[in-house]
Amino acid sequence: MQAATMDPGEEPPSMLWGLDPIFSAFARLYVRDILQMTESTQVPGIYFYNLHPIYKVDVLGTVVYKRERDDFFCYGVDDGTGVINCLCWKSDLLKEERDPTKSGGKHSDGAQGGFNLVSELEKLRQAQRSRCRLEIGELLRVRGAVKTSRQQREIMASTYYKVNDPVMAVQIAWMMEVPQLYRQCYDKPLQLQPDATGDSDVSTVSKATNIIRDFFKQKSVTRFRPYDVQDLLQPLMCSQPQTAPADQEPVAGPSACRQLRQLLKEALQILEDEGTVYRKVKSQDEVYHMRRKVATSYISCLQSGSATAST
């Protein structure tokens, strides 16, 4: 799980970055990979992991060092793969801390009369402060943008809090989820070209849908079965690129027939969802009927076209 070295020329155009769902999400990367990501030459503050544009991350780790200033905390977070500096700005509650000796008298006076709203609010503030003020050895979760300051990679936290994990359940769940995200998303290089596999699959289904629509326009069809239009989609299967090696002969058998049936099923499902066709009874016969308005419009278009050709 390590980012591949990327040449500046391989960097995808910035206008296509939004097509990657990882770009708008907090990437759960290991600290080692965050430190080794390549910064973009087009837009500063954007980094690449296997061609995935990333600018904000989600990290869970142990605090190994701490520095406090008037306006922020500076925590060193270690997730087992590396240590990264996290800049966590203080909230207004932490900045407006009052002397506990001043509020102690008020709490004691109100406690005799029952519920004290001021005392309960102060307890809530103390609980929030304890979640944001961490000590060395405690578990911290940080979400924020990745920045480079003084030649060092760091995280500008937008959200951070202490994680209470006495039985390590949160850490175990994290260690199980992150490798799955790497296998399913991060370690798969992004394909943003128009002729990518995903786009070709979508275009094939749209082509199949258009072929069936054209068949309805040319023929006065009121009902049909899937095998009536299945042969119309055969040229699409032949035009698909072969993924088999060059020295291996393409195999046309049950797999090709299964792909053709799946393509036909998806095309008919699109037509059924948009209301062009429907099935009266869900049975093995699979008889599809044309909507009356659709069929009438198709016939009228056909008749007007023939009249224009005759004149």
C-alpha atoms as a PDB file:
ATOM      1  CA  MET A   1       0.000   0.000   0.000  1.00  0.00           C
ATOM      2  CA  GLN A   2       2.361   2.604  -1.281  1.00  0.00           C
ATOM      3  CA  ALA A   3       1.783   5.314  -3.823  1.00  0.00           C
ATOM      4  CA  ALA A   4       3.450   4.758  -7.154  1.00  0.00           C
ATOM      5  CA  THR A   5       5.894   7.371  -8.376  1.00  0.00           C
ATOM      6  CA  MET A   6       4.180   9.796 -10.750  1.00  0.00           C
ATOM      7  CA  ASP A   7       5.729  12.016 -13.385  1.00  0.00           C
ATOM      8  CA  PRO A   8       4.404  15.590 -13.604  1.00  0.00           C
ATOM      9  CA  GLY A   9       3.249  14.841 -17.144  1.00  0.00           C
ATOM     10  CA  GLU A  10       0.962  12.038 -15.902  1.00  0.00           C
ATOM     11  CA  GLU A  11      -0.997  14.374 -13.636  1.00  0.00           C
ATOM     12  CA  PRO A  12      -4.649  14.468 -14.765  1.00  0.00           C
ATOM     13  CA  PRO A  13      -6.134  17.851 -15.727  1.00  0.00           C
ATOM     14  CA  SER A  14      -7.603  19.804 -12.841  1.00  0.00           C
ATOM     15  CA  MET A  15     -11.003  20.058 -14.587  1.00  0.00           C
ATOM     16  CA  LEU A  16     -11.399  16.278 -14.271  1.00  0.00           C
ATOM     17  CA  TRP A  17     -10.559  15.984 -10.589  1.00  0.00           C
ATOM     18  CA  GLY A  18     -14.208  16.303  -9.570  1.00  0.00           C
ATOM     19  CA  LEU A  19     -14.984  13.055 -11.408  1.00  0.00           C
ATOM     20  CA  ASP A  20     -13.086  11.180  -8.713  1.00  0.00           C
ATOM     21  CA  PRO A  21     -15.346  10.570  -5.679  1.00  0.00           C
ATOM     22  CA  ILE A  22     -12.282  10.444  -3.427  1.00  0.00           C
ATOM     23  CA  PHE A  23     -11.573  14.097  -4.216  1.00  0.00           C
ATOM     24  CA  SER A  24     -14.616  15.333  -2.265  1.00  0.00           C
ATOM     25  CA  ALA A  25     -14.225  12.857   0.620  1.00  0.00           C
ATOM     26  CA  PHE A  26     -11.923  12.612   3.616  1.00  0.00           C
ATOM     27  CA  ALA A  27      -9.452   9.948   2.515  1.00  0.00           C
ATOM     28  CA  ARG A  28      -8.526   7.447   5.225  1.00  0.00           C
ATOM     29  CA  LEU A  29      -4.891   7.099   4.301  1.00  0.00           C
ATOM     30  CA  TYR A  30      -1.990   5.889   6.378  1.00  0.00           C
ATOM     31  CA  VAL A  31       0.284   8.624   7.698  1.00  0.00           C
ATOM     32  CA  ARG A  32       3.182   7.151   5.715  1.00  0.00           C
ATOM     33  CA  ASP A  33       1.264   7.616   2.456  1.00  0.00           C
ATOM     34  CA  ILE A  34       0.203  11.140   3.424  1.00  0.00           C
ATOM     35  CA  LEU A  35       3.841  12.089   3.945  1.00  0.00           C
ATOM     36  CA  GLN A  36       4.872  10.525   0.621  1.00  0.00           C
ATOM     37  CA  MET A  37       2.105  11.919  -1.606  1.00  0.00           C
ATOM     38  CA  THR A  38       3.154  13.995  -4.604  1.00  0.00           C
ATOM     39  CA  GLU A  39       1.978  17.602  -4.638  1.00  0.00           C
ATOM     40  CA  SER A  40       0.199  18.897  -7.716  1.00  0.00           C
ATOM     41  CA  THR A  41       2.050  21.176 -10.121  1.00  0.00           C
ATOM     42  CA  GLN A  42      -1.231  22.781 -11.228  1.00  0.00           C
ATOM     43  CA  VAL A  43      -2.859  23.666  -7.908  1.00  0.00           C
ATOM     44  CA  PRO A  44      -0.804  23.961  -4.695  1.00  0.00           C
ATOM     45  CA  GLY A  45      -2.337  22.124  -1.762  1.00  0.00           C
ATOM     46  CA  ILE A  46      -3.624  19.212  -3.873  1.00  0.00           C
ATOM     47  CA  TYR A  47      -1.782  15.899  -3.594  1.00  0.00           C
ATOM     48  CA  PHE A  48      -1.908  12.665  -5.547  1.00  0.00           C
ATOM     49  CA  TYR A  49      -1.996   9.062  -4.418  1.00  0.00           C
ATOM     50  CA  ASN A  50      -2.067   6.701  -7.432  1.00  0.00           C
ATOM     51  CA  LEU A  51      -3.455   9.540  -9.576  1.00  0.00           C
ATOM     52  CA  HIS A  52      -6.246  10.187  -7.048  1.00  0.00           C
ATOM     53  CA  PRO A  53      -6.424  13.918  -6.209  1.00  0.00           C
ATOM     54  CA  ILE A  54      -6.569  14.338  -2.446  1.00  0.00           C
ATOM     55  CA  TYR A  55      -6.600  17.431  -0.274  1.00  0.00           C
ATOM     56  CA  LYS A  56      -8.314  16.335   2.937  1.00  0.00           C
ATOM     57  CA  VAL A  57      -7.741  13.230   5.031  1.00  0.00           C
ATOM     58  CA  ASP A  58      -9.104  11.348   8.033  1.00  0.00           C
ATOM     59  CA  VAL A  59      -6.525  10.041  10.529  1.00  0.00           C
ATOM     60  CA  LEU A  60      -6.771   8.033  13.749  1.00  0.00           C
ATOM     61  CA  GLY A  61      -3.701   7.668  15.930  1.00  0.00           C
ATOM     62  CA  THR A  62      -1.961   8.114  19.265  1.00  0.00           C
ATOM     63  CA  VAL A  63      -0.670  11.458  20.477  1.00  0.00           C
ATOM     64  CA  VAL A  64       3.122  11.226  20.811  1.00  0.00           C
ATOM     65  CA  TYR A  65       3.894  14.901  21.376  1.00  0.00           C
ATOM     66  CA  LYS A  66       1.953  18.040  22.216  1.00  0.00           C
ATOM     67  CA  ARG A  67       2.513  21.786  22.026  1.00  0.00           C
ATOM     68  CA  GLU A  68      -0.010  24.387  23.135  1.00  0.00           C
ATOM     69  CA  ARG A  69      -0.306  28.000  22.032  1.00  0.00           C
ATOM     70  CA  ASP A  70      -2.872  30.685  22.747  1.00  0.00           C
ATOM     71  CA  ASP A  71      -4.976  29.867  19.688  1.00  0.00           C
ATOM     72  CA  PHE A  72      -4.214  26.245  18.825  1.00  0.00           C
ATOM     73  CA  PHE A  73      -2.864  22.858  19.873  1.00  0.00           C
ATOM     74  CA  CYS A  74      -0.150  21.100  17.931  1.00  0.00           C
ATOM     75  CA  TYR A  75      -0.397  17.306  18.266  1.00  0.00           C
ATOM     76  CA  GLY A  76       1.889  14.671  16.816  1.00  0.00           C
ATOM     77  CA  VAL A  77      -0.293  11.740  15.725  1.00  0.00           C
ATOM     78  CA  ASP A  78       1.191   8.274  15.220  1.00  0.00           C
ATOM     79  CA  ASP A  79      -0.920   5.606  13.495  1.00  0.00           C
ATOM     80  CA  GLY A  80       1.817   2.952  13.434  1.00  0.00           C
ATOM     81  CA  THR A  81       3.143   3.862   9.977  1.00  0.00           C
ATOM     82  CA  GLY A  82       4.448   7.352  10.698  1.00  0.00           C
ATOM     83  CA  VAL A  83       3.983  10.559  12.657  1.00  0.00           C
ATOM     84  CA  ILE A  84       2.330  13.675  11.279  1.00  0.00           C
ATOM     85  CA  ASN A  85       1.843  17.084  12.795  1.00  0.00           C
ATOM     86  CA  CYS A  86      -1.801  18.118  13.332  1.00  0.00           C
ATOM     87  CA  LEU A  87      -2.682  21.766  13.875  1.00  0.00           C
ATOM     88  CA  CYS A  88      -5.915  21.928  15.904  1.00  0.00           C
ATOM     89  CA  TRP A  89      -7.417  25.353  16.499  1.00  0.00           C
ATOM     90  CA  LYS A  90      -8.962  26.029  19.883  1.00  0.00           C
ATOM     91  CA  SER A  91     -12.683  26.617  20.123  1.00  0.00           C
ATOM     92  CA  ASP A  92     -14.202  29.578  21.911  1.00  0.00           C
ATOM     93  CA  LEU A  93     -14.869  27.412  24.961  1.00  0.00           C
ATOM     94  CA  LEU A  94     -11.180  26.717  25.370  1.00  0.00           C
ATOM     95  CA  LYS A  95     -10.260  30.361  24.855  1.00  0.00           C
ATOM     96  CA  GLU A  96     -12.803  31.618  27.392  1.00  0.00           C
ATOM     97  CA  GLU A  97     -11.821  29.349  30.245  1.00  0.00           C
ATOM     98  CA  ARG A  98     -12.619  30.962  33.543  1.00  0.00           C
ATOM     99  CA  ASP A  99     -11.107  30.554  36.949  1.00  0.00           C
ATOM    100  CA  PRO A 100     -12.853  27.587  38.630  1.00  0.00           C
ATOM    101  CA  THR A 101     -12.784  29.378  42.011  1.00  0.00           C
ATOM    102  CA  LYS A 102     -15.148  32.059  40.665  1.00  0.00           C
ATOM    103  CA  SER A 103     -17.832  29.668  39.480  1.00  0.00           C
ATOM    104  CA  GLY A 104     -17.554  27.293  42.400  1.00  0.00           C
ATOM    105  CA  GLY A 105     -19.568  29.554  44.729  1.00  0.00           C
ATOM    106  CA  LYS A 106     -22.381  29.939  42.230  1.00  0.00           C
ATOM    107  CA  HIS A 107     -22.685  26.207  41.772  1.00  0.00           C
ATOM    108  CA  SER A 108     -22.831  25.533  45.475  1.00  0.00           C
ATOM    109  CA  ASP A 109     -25.525  28.200  46.010  1.00  0.00           C
ATOM    110  CA  GLY A 110     -27.706  26.865  43.180  1.00  0.00           C
ATOM    111  CA  ALA A 111     -27.283  23.219  44.179  1.00  0.00           C
ATOM    112  CA  GLN A 112     -29.385  23.721  47.328  1.00  0.00           C
ATOM    113  CA  GLY A 113     -32.396  24.810  45.294  1.00  0.00           C
ATOM    114  CA  GLY A 114     -32.324  21.762  42.983  1.00  0.00           C
ATOM    115  CA  PHE A 115     -31.502  21.922  39.286  1.00  0.00           C
ATOM    116  CA  ASN A 116     -28.980  24.624  38.424  1.00  0.00           C
ATOM    117  CA  LEU A 117     -28.831  25.530  34.748  1.00  0.00           C
ATOM    118  CA  VAL A 118     -25.534  27.378  35.094  1.00  0.00           C
ATOM    119  CA  SER A 119     -23.921  24.391  36.773  1.00  0.00           C
ATOM    120  CA  GLU A 120     -25.134  21.988  34.107  1.00  0.00           C
ATOM    121  CA  LEU A 121     -23.871  24.249  31.321  1.00  0.00           C
ATOM    122  CA  GLU A 122     -20.492  24.425  33.004  1.00  0.00           C
ATOM    123  CA  LYS A 123     -20.370  20.629  33.186  1.00  0.00           C
ATOM    124  CA  LEU A 124     -21.155  20.480  29.484  1.00  0.00           C
ATOM    125  CA  ARG A 125     -18.356  22.947  28.747  1.00  0.00           C
ATOM    126  CA  GLN A 126     -15.921  20.913  30.812  1.00  0.00           C
ATOM    127  CA  ALA A 127     -16.889  17.756  28.919  1.00  0.00           C
ATOM    128  CA  GLN A 128     -16.288  19.527  25.600  1.00  0.00           C
ATOM    129  CA  ARG A 129     -12.947  20.840  26.818  1.00  0.00           C
ATOM    130  CA  SER A 130     -11.858  17.371  27.876  1.00  0.00           C
ATOM    131  CA  ARG A 131     -12.676  16.055  24.387  1.00  0.00           C
ATOM    132  CA  CYS A 132     -10.467  18.688  22.745  1.00  0.00           C
ATOM    133  CA  ARG A 133      -7.580  18.777  25.219  1.00  0.00           C
ATOM    134  CA  LEU A 134      -5.477  15.617  24.917  1.00  0.00           C
ATOM    135  CA  GLU A 135      -2.406  14.296  26.629  1.00  0.00           C
ATOM    136  CA  ILE A 136       0.408  12.116  25.339  1.00  0.00           C
ATOM    137  CA  GLY A 137      -0.724   8.503  24.906  1.00  0.00           C
ATOM    138  CA  GLU A 138      -4.384   9.293  24.253  1.00  0.00           C
ATOM    139  CA  LEU A 139      -6.201   8.413  21.029  1.00  0.00           C
ATOM    140  CA  LEU A 140      -7.027  11.265  18.644  1.00  0.00           C
ATOM    141  CA  ARG A 141      -9.108  11.391  15.471  1.00  0.00           C
ATOM    142  CA  VAL A 142      -8.411  14.250  13.074  1.00  0.00           C
ATOM    143  CA  ARG A 143     -10.122  15.376   9.889  1.00  0.00           C
ATOM    144  CA  GLY A 144      -8.742  18.222   7.850  1.00  0.00           C
ATOM    145  CA  ALA A 145      -6.834  19.537   4.864  1.00  0.00           C
ATOM    146  CA  VAL A 146      -3.264  18.521   4.101  1.00  0.00           C
ATOM    147  CA  LYS A 147      -0.765  21.387   4.016  1.00  0.00           C
ATOM    148  CA  THR A 148       2.973  21.789   3.604  1.00  0.00           C
ATOM    149  CA  SER A 149       4.557  24.257   6.021  1.00  0.00           C
ATOM    150  CA  ARG A 150       8.317  24.785   6.360  1.00  0.00           C
ATOM    151  CA  GLN A 151       8.997  21.770   4.147  1.00  0.00           C
ATOM    152  CA  GLN A 152       6.930  19.536   6.446  1.00  0.00           C
ATOM    153  CA  ARG A 153       3.583  17.878   5.748  1.00  0.00           C
ATOM    154  CA  GLU A 154       0.858  18.587   8.308  1.00  0.00           C
ATOM    155  CA  ILE A 155      -2.915  18.473   8.763  1.00  0.00           C
ATOM    156  CA  MET A 156      -4.985  21.607   9.357  1.00  0.00           C
ATOM    157  CA  ALA A 157      -7.755  20.077  11.447  1.00  0.00           C
ATOM    158  CA  SER A 158     -11.356  21.060  10.766  1.00  0.00           C
ATOM    159  CA  THR A 159     -12.628  18.458  13.261  1.00  0.00           C
ATOM    160  CA  TYR A 160     -10.731  16.717  16.031  1.00  0.00           C
ATOM    161  CA  TYR A 161     -11.682  14.932  19.231  1.00  0.00           C
ATOM    162  CA  LYS A 162     -10.400  12.447  21.765  1.00  0.00           C
ATOM    163  CA  VAL A 163     -11.535   8.864  21.239  1.00  0.00           C
ATOM    164  CA  ASN A 164     -12.333   6.831  24.349  1.00  0.00           C
ATOM    165  CA  ASP A 165     -11.411   3.282  23.378  1.00  0.00           C
ATOM    166  CA  PRO A 166     -10.714   1.218  26.516  1.00  0.00           C
ATOM    167  CA  VAL A 167     -11.116  -2.172  24.781  1.00  0.00           C
ATOM    168  CA  MET A 168      -9.576  -1.013  21.457  1.00  0.00           C
ATOM    169  CA  ALA A 169     -12.805  -1.682  19.565  1.00  0.00           C
ATOM    170  CA  VAL A 170     -12.529   1.547  17.551  1.00  0.00           C
ATOM    171  CA  GLN A 171      -8.900   0.866  16.614  1.00  0.00           C
ATOM    172  CA  ILE A 172      -9.652  -2.704  15.557  1.00  0.00           C
ATOM    173  CA  ALA A 173     -12.574  -1.577  13.390  1.00  0.00           C
ATOM    174  CA  TRP A 174     -10.354   1.114  11.858  1.00  0.00           C
ATOM    175  CA  MET A 175      -7.576  -1.386  11.073  1.00  0.00           C
ATOM    176  CA  MET A 176     -10.125  -3.622   9.332  1.00  0.00           C
ATOM    177  CA  GLU A 177     -11.796  -0.866   7.289  1.00  0.00           C
ATOM    178  CA  VAL A 178      -8.732   0.986   6.004  1.00  0.00           C
ATOM    179  CA  PRO A 179      -7.144  -2.005   4.148  1.00  0.00           C
ATOM    180  CA  GLN A 180     -10.484  -2.617   2.428  1.00  0.00           C
ATOM    181  CA  LEU A 181     -10.603   1.018   1.299  1.00  0.00           C
ATOM    182  CA  TYR A 182      -7.088   0.657  -0.089  1.00  0.00           C
ATOM    183  CA  ARG A 183      -7.990  -2.465  -2.056  1.00  0.00           C
ATOM    184  CA  GLN A 184     -11.310  -1.165  -3.344  1.00  0.00           C
ATOM    185  CA  CYS A 185     -10.475   2.516  -3.962  1.00  0.00           C
ATOM    186  CA  TYR A 186      -7.058   3.966  -3.233  1.00  0.00           C
ATOM    187  CA  ASP A 187      -4.814   1.319  -4.799  1.00  0.00           C
ATOM    188  CA  LYS A 188      -6.836   1.279  -8.029  1.00  0.00           C
ATOM    189  CA  PRO A 189      -5.445   3.968 -10.367  1.00  0.00           C
ATOM    190  CA  LEU A 190      -8.090   6.390 -11.516  1.00  0.00           C
ATOM    191  CA  GLN A 191      -9.140   6.240 -15.177  1.00  0.00           C
ATOM    192  CA  LEU A 192     -10.472   9.640 -16.221  1.00  0.00           C
ATOM    193  CA  GLN A 193     -10.225   9.139 -19.995  1.00  0.00           C
ATOM    194  CA  PRO A 194     -13.474   9.121 -21.983  1.00  0.00           C
ATOM    195  CA  ASP A 195     -12.756   5.618 -23.285  1.00  0.00           C
ATOM    196  CA  ALA A 196     -12.505   4.129 -19.814  1.00  0.00           C
ATOM    197  CA  THR A 197     -14.131   0.778 -19.124  1.00  0.00           C
ATOM    198  CA  GLY A 198     -16.939   2.213 -17.018  1.00  0.00           C
ATOM    199  CA  ASP A 199     -17.867   4.778 -19.665  1.00  0.00           C
ATOM    200  CA  SER A 200     -17.815   2.150 -22.421  1.00  0.00           C
ATOM    201  CA  ASP A 201     -20.189  -0.042 -20.429  1.00  0.00           C
ATOM    202  CA  VAL A 202     -22.622   2.831 -19.993  1.00  0.00           C
ATOM    203  CA  SER A 203     -22.392   3.814 -23.655  1.00  0.00           C
ATOM    204  CA  THR A 204     -23.022   0.212 -24.717  1.00  0.00           C
ATOM    205  CA  VAL A 205     -26.233   0.087 -22.691  1.00  0.00           C
ATOM    206  CA  SER A 206     -27.370   3.429 -24.114  1.00  0.00           C
ATOM    207  CA  LYS A 207     -26.610   2.223 -27.644  1.00  0.00           C
ATOM    208  CA  ALA A 208     -28.621  -0.931 -27.032  1.00  0.00           C
ATOM    209  CA  THR A 209     -31.543   1.138 -25.741  1.00  0.00           C
ATOM    210  CA  ASN A 210     -31.441   3.379 -28.809  1.00  0.00           C
ATOM    211  CA  ILE A 211     -31.345   0.377 -31.153  1.00  0.00           C
ATOM    212  CA  ILE A 212     -34.477  -1.055 -29.570  1.00  0.00           C
ATOM    213  CA  ARG A 213     -36.220   2.333 -29.763  1.00  0.00           C
ATOM    214  CA  ASP A 214     -35.358   2.623 -33.462  1.00  0.00           C
ATOM    215  CA  PHE A 215     -36.774  -0.868 -34.006  1.00  0.00           C
ATOM    216  CA  PHE A 216     -40.052   0.237 -32.424  1.00  0.00           C
ATOM    217  CA  LYS A 217     -40.201   3.277 -34.700  1.00  0.00           C
ATOM    218  CA  GLN A 218     -39.543   1.284 -37.866  1.00  0.00           C
ATOM    219  CA  LYS A 219     -41.953  -1.518 -37.005  1.00  0.00           C
ATOM    220  CA  SER A 220     -45.483  -1.067 -35.715  1.00  0.00           C
ATOM    221  CA  VAL A 221     -44.820  -3.068 -32.576  1.00  0.00           C
ATOM    222  CA  THR A 222     -47.456  -3.415 -29.872  1.00  0.00           C
ATOM    223  CA  ARG A 223     -45.914  -6.326 -27.988  1.00  0.00           C
ATOM    224  CA  PHE A 224     -42.776  -8.379 -28.206  1.00  0.00           C
ATOM    225  CA  ARG A 225     -40.597 -10.893 -26.386  1.00  0.00           C
ATOM    226  CA  PRO A 226     -36.927 -10.400 -25.505  1.00  0.00           C
ATOM    227  CA  TYR A 227     -35.706 -12.922 -28.074  1.00  0.00           C
ATOM    228  CA  ASP A 228     -37.440 -10.861 -30.797  1.00  0.00           C
ATOM    229  CA  VAL A 229     -34.926  -8.028 -30.331  1.00  0.00           C
ATOM    230  CA  GLN A 230     -31.977  -9.959 -28.967  1.00  0.00           C
ATOM    231  CA  ASP A 231     -30.347 -10.399 -32.374  1.00  0.00           C
ATOM    232  CA  LEU A 232     -30.405  -6.642 -32.910  1.00  0.00           C
ATOM    233  CA  LEU A 233     -27.820  -6.210 -30.161  1.00  0.00           C
ATOM    234  CA  GLN A 234     -25.404  -8.786 -31.522  1.00  0.00           C
ATOM    235  CA  PRO A 235     -23.281  -6.179 -33.408  1.00  0.00           C
ATOM    236  CA  LEU A 236     -22.642  -4.364 -30.117  1.00  0.00           C
ATOM    237  CA  MET A 237     -21.121  -7.486 -28.593  1.00  0.00           C
ATOM    238  CA  CYS A 238     -18.849  -7.940 -31.601  1.00  0.00           C
ATOM    239  CA  SER A 239     -17.658  -4.307 -31.420  1.00  0.00           C
ATOM    240  CA  GLN A 240     -16.632  -4.498 -27.758  1.00  0.00           C
ATOM    241  CA  PRO A 241     -12.838  -4.566 -27.183  1.00  0.00           C
ATOM    242  CA  GLN A 242     -11.344  -7.923 -26.371  1.00  0.00           C
ATOM    243  CA  THR A 243      -9.581  -8.062 -23.017  1.00  0.00           C
ATOM    244  CA  ALA A 244      -7.934 -11.414 -23.631  1.00  0.00           C
ATOM    245  CA  PRO A 245      -4.187 -11.601 -24.315  1.00  0.00           C
ATOM    246  CA  ALA A 246      -2.964 -11.430 -27.898  1.00  0.00           C
ATOM    247  CA  ASP A 247      -1.714 -15.011 -27.927  1.00  0.00           C
ATOM    248  CA  GLN A 248      -5.033 -16.347 -26.630  1.00  0.00           C
ATOM    249  CA  GLU A 249      -7.963 -16.888 -28.969  1.00  0.00           C
ATOM    250  CA  PRO A 250     -11.216 -15.176 -27.958  1.00  0.00           C
ATOM    251  CA  VAL A 251     -13.747 -17.588 -26.577  1.00  0.00           C
ATOM    252  CA  ALA A 252     -17.307 -17.161 -27.847  1.00  0.00           C
ATOM    253  CA  GLY A 253     -19.620 -19.456 -25.986  1.00  0.00           C
ATOM    254  CA  PRO A 254     -21.844 -19.313 -22.964  1.00  0.00           C
ATOM    255  CA  SER A 255     -20.025 -16.242 -21.648  1.00  0.00           C
ATOM    256  CA  ALA A 256     -20.838 -14.215 -24.804  1.00  0.00           C
ATOM    257  CA  CYS A 257     -24.471 -15.311 -24.729  1.00  0.00           C
ATOM    258  CA  ARG A 258     -24.692 -14.447 -21.069  1.00  0.00           C
ATOM    259  CA  GLN A 259     -23.292 -10.974 -21.740  1.00  0.00           C
ATOM    260  CA  LEU A 260     -25.795 -10.469 -24.555  1.00  0.00           C
ATOM    261  CA  ARG A 261     -28.704 -11.466 -22.319  1.00  0.00           C
ATOM    262  CA  GLN A 262     -27.451  -9.187 -19.559  1.00  0.00           C
ATOM    263  CA  LEU A 263     -27.162  -6.275 -21.989  1.00  0.00           C
ATOM    264  CA  LEU A 264     -30.685  -6.907 -23.261  1.00  0.00           C
ATOM    265  CA  LYS A 265     -31.984  -7.105 -19.699  1.00  0.00           C
ATOM    266  CA  GLU A 266     -30.442  -3.764 -18.765  1.00  0.00           C
ATOM    267  CA  ALA A 267     -31.763  -2.069 -21.907  1.00  0.00           C
ATOM    268  CA  LEU A 268     -35.291  -3.389 -21.347  1.00  0.00           C
ATOM    269  CA  GLN A 269     -35.126  -2.318 -17.712  1.00  0.00           C
ATOM    270  CA  ILE A 270     -34.304   1.233 -18.807  1.00  0.00           C
ATOM    271  CA  LEU A 271     -37.235   1.242 -21.234  1.00  0.00           C
ATOM    272  CA  GLU A 272     -39.502  -0.138 -18.533  1.00  0.00           C
ATOM    273  CA  ASP A 273     -38.368   2.479 -15.997  1.00  0.00           C
ATOM    274  CA  GLU A 274     -39.022   5.350 -18.399  1.00  0.00           C
ATOM    275  CA  GLY A 275     -42.491   3.983 -19.237  1.00  0.00           C
ATOM    276  CA  THR A 276     -41.947   2.974 -22.846  1.00  0.00           C
ATOM    277  CA  VAL A 277     -42.759  -0.719 -22.286  1.00  0.00           C
ATOM    278  CA  TYR A 278     -44.394  -2.705 -19.520  1.00  0.00           C
ATOM    279  CA  ARG A 279     -45.281  -6.257 -18.554  1.00  0.00           C
ATOM    280  CA  LYS A 280     -48.833  -7.134 -17.582  1.00  0.00           C
ATOM    281  CA  VAL A 281     -47.933 -10.327 -15.736  1.00  0.00           C
ATOM    282  CA  LYS A 282     -44.583 -11.296 -14.285  1.00  0.00           C
ATOM    283  CA  SER A 283     -44.152 -14.736 -15.784  1.00  0.00           C
ATOM    284  CA  GLN A 284     -41.589 -16.836 -17.618  1.00  0.00           C
ATOM    285  CA  ASP A 285     -43.175 -15.870 -20.946  1.00  0.00           C
ATOM    286  CA  GLU A 286     -41.800 -12.313 -20.564  1.00  0.00           C
ATOM    287  CA  VAL A 287     -44.179 -10.599 -22.957  1.00  0.00           C
ATOM    288  CA  TYR A 288     -43.559  -6.867 -23.115  1.00  0.00           C
ATOM    289  CA  HIS A 289     -46.273  -4.470 -24.234  1.00  0.00           C
ATOM    290  CA  MET A 290     -45.845  -1.016 -25.690  1.00  0.00           C
ATOM    291  CA  ARG A 291     -47.591   1.868 -23.995  1.00  0.00           C
ATOM    292  CA  ARG A 292     -50.573   2.947 -26.066  1.00  0.00           C
ATOM    293  CA  LYS A 293     -49.479   6.569 -26.344  1.00  0.00           C
ATOM    294  CA  VAL A 294     -45.969   5.588 -27.253  1.00  0.00           C
ATOM    295  CA  ALA A 295     -47.110   3.100 -29.859  1.00  0.00           C
ATOM    296  CA  THR A 296     -49.541   5.649 -31.360  1.00  0.00           C
ATOM    297  CA  SER A 297     -46.842   8.297 -31.586  1.00  0.00           C
ATOM    298  CA  TYR A 298     -44.454   5.824 -33.226  1.00  0.00           C
ATOM    299  CA  ILE A 299     -47.111   4.844 -35.806  1.00  0.00           C
ATOM    300  CA  SER A 300     -47.988   8.474 -36.528  1.00  0.00           C
ATOM    301  CA  CYS A 301     -44.306   9.313 -37.008  1.00  0.00           C
ATOM    302  CA  LEU A 302     -43.963   6.364 -39.346  1.00  0.00           C
ATOM    303  CA  GLN A 303     -47.022   7.423 -41.365  1.00  0.00           C
ATOM    304  CA  SER A 304     -45.890  11.056 -41.593  1.00  0.00           C
ATOM    305  CA  GLY A 305     -42.472   9.928 -42.736  1.00  0.00           C
ATOM    306  CA  SER A 306     -43.952   7.762 -45.495  1.00  0.00           C
ATOM    307  CA  ALA A 307     -46.238  10.589 -46.618  1.00  0.00           C
ATOM    308  CA  THR A 308     -43.315  12.980 -46.852  1.00  0.00           C
ATOM    309  CA  ALA A 309     -41.344  10.472 -48.884  1.00  0.00           C
ATOM    310  CA  SER A 310     -44.260   9.971 -51.323  1.00  0.00           C
ATOM    311  CA  THR A 311     -44.663  13.705 -51.950  1.00  0.00           C
END
